[in-house]
Protein backbone atom coordinates (compact mmCIF):
# COMPACT_ATOMS: atom_id res chain seq x y z
CA UNK A 1 121.39 116.09 -44.94
CA UNK A 2 124.45 114.01 -45.74
CA UNK A 3 126.92 112.85 -43.11
CA UNK A 4 130.18 111.14 -44.06
CA UNK A 5 131.84 109.40 -41.12
CA UNK A 6 135.53 108.57 -41.47
CA UNK A 7 136.62 105.78 -39.14
CA UNK A 8 139.15 103.01 -38.66
CA UNK A 9 136.40 100.73 -37.30
CA UNK A 10 133.43 100.93 -39.71
CA UNK A 11 131.73 97.84 -38.28
CA UNK A 12 131.60 99.52 -34.87
CA UNK A 13 129.82 102.57 -36.29
CA UNK A 14 127.41 100.80 -38.67
CA UNK A 15 125.42 98.84 -36.10
CA UNK A 16 123.95 101.74 -34.07
CA UNK A 17 123.03 103.57 -37.28
CA UNK A 18 120.75 100.73 -38.37
CA UNK A 19 118.38 100.96 -35.39
CA UNK A 20 115.87 103.26 -33.74
CA UNK A 21 115.52 106.95 -34.68
CA UNK A 22 118.51 107.03 -37.02
CA UNK A 23 117.20 104.00 -38.91
CA UNK A 24 113.81 105.66 -39.40
CA UNK A 25 115.40 108.92 -40.56
CA UNK A 26 117.50 107.00 -43.10
CA UNK A 27 114.46 105.06 -44.34
CA UNK A 28 112.54 108.33 -44.85
CA UNK A 29 115.56 109.80 -46.71
CA UNK A 30 115.87 112.58 -44.14
CA UNK A 31 119.55 111.79 -43.70
CA UNK A 32 122.15 109.97 -45.76
CA UNK A 33 124.96 108.51 -43.67
CA UNK A 34 128.06 107.04 -45.29
CA UNK A 35 130.71 105.15 -43.37
CA UNK A 36 134.17 105.49 -44.88
CA UNK A 37 136.97 103.13 -43.90
CA UNK A 38 140.12 105.21 -43.46
CA UNK A 39 142.24 102.17 -44.27
CA UNK A 40 140.97 102.33 -47.86
CA UNK A 41 143.07 105.49 -48.28
CA UNK A 42 146.42 104.07 -47.19
CA UNK A 43 149.29 102.91 -49.38
CA UNK A 44 151.07 100.30 -47.32
CA UNK A 45 150.70 96.55 -47.37
CA UNK A 46 149.36 96.58 -43.80
CA UNK A 47 146.92 99.50 -44.33
CA UNK A 48 148.42 101.31 -41.34
CA UNK A 49 146.78 104.59 -40.32
CA UNK A 50 148.68 105.23 -37.11
CA UNK A 51 152.11 106.52 -36.22
CA UNK A 52 154.07 107.64 -33.18
CA UNK A 53 153.51 111.24 -32.11
CA UNK A 54 156.09 113.55 -33.67
CA UNK A 55 157.04 115.07 -30.33
CA UNK A 56 157.30 111.69 -28.66
CA UNK A 57 155.18 110.50 -25.79
CA UNK A 58 153.02 107.46 -25.20
CA UNK A 59 150.38 106.22 -27.59
CA UNK A 60 149.74 106.39 -31.29
CA UNK A 61 148.13 109.12 -33.40
CA UNK A 62 146.35 109.01 -36.75
CA UNK A 63 148.63 109.87 -39.66
CA UNK A 64 147.82 112.91 -41.74
CA UNK A 65 148.24 111.27 -45.19
CA UNK A 66 145.18 108.97 -45.28
CA UNK A 67 143.00 111.55 -43.51
CA UNK A 68 144.05 114.24 -45.99
CA UNK A 69 143.36 111.91 -48.95
CA UNK A 70 139.85 110.99 -47.86
CA UNK A 71 138.85 114.56 -46.95
CA UNK A 72 140.19 115.94 -50.24
CA UNK A 73 138.29 113.25 -52.16
CA UNK A 74 135.05 114.06 -50.33
CA UNK A 75 135.53 117.82 -50.77
CA UNK A 76 136.01 117.31 -54.51
CA UNK A 77 132.49 115.81 -54.67
CA UNK A 78 130.54 118.42 -52.67
CA UNK A 79 130.85 121.41 -50.36
CA UNK A 80 130.86 120.60 -46.64
CA UNK A 81 129.49 122.89 -43.96
CA UNK A 82 131.68 121.42 -41.22
CA UNK A 83 134.52 118.94 -40.86
CA UNK A 84 134.18 117.64 -37.32
CA UNK A 85 136.71 115.76 -35.22
CA UNK A 86 135.37 113.85 -32.21
CA UNK A 87 137.75 114.53 -29.37
CA UNK A 88 137.52 114.49 -25.56
CA UNK A 89 138.72 118.10 -25.44
CA UNK A 90 136.21 119.39 -28.00
CA UNK A 91 133.07 121.39 -27.29
CA UNK A 92 130.52 119.25 -25.42
CA UNK A 93 127.80 117.92 -27.72
CA UNK A 94 124.36 118.99 -26.49
CA UNK A 95 120.85 119.60 -27.81
CA UNK A 96 121.61 123.17 -28.87
CA UNK A 97 124.54 121.98 -30.97
CA UNK A 98 122.45 119.11 -32.37
CA UNK A 99 119.80 121.60 -33.48
CA UNK A 100 122.42 123.85 -35.09
CA UNK A 101 124.09 120.94 -36.93
CA UNK A 102 120.73 119.58 -38.09
CA UNK A 103 120.35 122.69 -40.25
CA UNK A 104 123.54 121.91 -42.19
CA UNK A 105 123.55 120.14 -45.56
CA UNK A 106 126.83 118.19 -45.55
CA UNK A 107 129.04 117.13 -42.67
CA UNK A 108 132.23 115.12 -42.37
CA UNK A 109 132.90 113.47 -39.02
CA UNK A 110 136.37 112.10 -38.30
CA UNK A 111 135.91 109.55 -35.53
CA UNK A 112 138.68 109.92 -32.98
CA UNK A 113 140.74 106.84 -32.18
CA UNK A 114 144.11 106.20 -30.58
CA UNK A 115 145.59 108.96 -28.45
CA UNK A 116 144.65 111.56 -31.04
CA UNK A 117 145.48 112.75 -34.53
CA UNK A 118 148.48 114.35 -36.15
CA UNK A 119 148.25 117.99 -35.03
CA UNK A 120 148.31 119.17 -38.66
CA UNK A 121 144.89 117.52 -39.12
CA UNK A 122 143.46 119.68 -36.35
CA UNK A 123 145.24 122.80 -37.56
CA UNK A 124 144.42 122.59 -41.28
CA UNK A 125 141.51 120.23 -41.96
CA UNK A 126 139.13 120.33 -39.01
CA UNK A 127 136.57 123.14 -38.62
CA UNK A 128 134.97 121.94 -35.37
CA UNK A 129 135.87 119.64 -32.49
CA UNK A 130 133.11 117.93 -30.55
CA UNK A 131 133.21 115.85 -27.38
CA UNK A 132 130.45 113.27 -27.33
CA UNK A 133 130.95 112.73 -23.62
């Protein structure tokens, strides 16, 4: 199984993946986990990945451009079973879902940050939304 995690904070994600059960699974080549820094897919001098919500309101959302670029690059390399967005309003992650996802070959996980993402990301790129609690 291969899992590609897209995040704005790779150092926050890397640490837990290098310990305990996940570490042993990686060492036994049962799972390959790649952390992808979303900022590597931006164009601007400041590597900005956030923008104000189109409809207004408080908070920032992830821009579609860098997310689209990274997902298209990954999809050009292999076929993905699911493209998952972690969101508080997604389906609650539980053991049944973990078992179902463990049977997949390739997953992309877009780690949710900010207030959310540009709605077009949810509408056109994401195949599953999960709440990790």
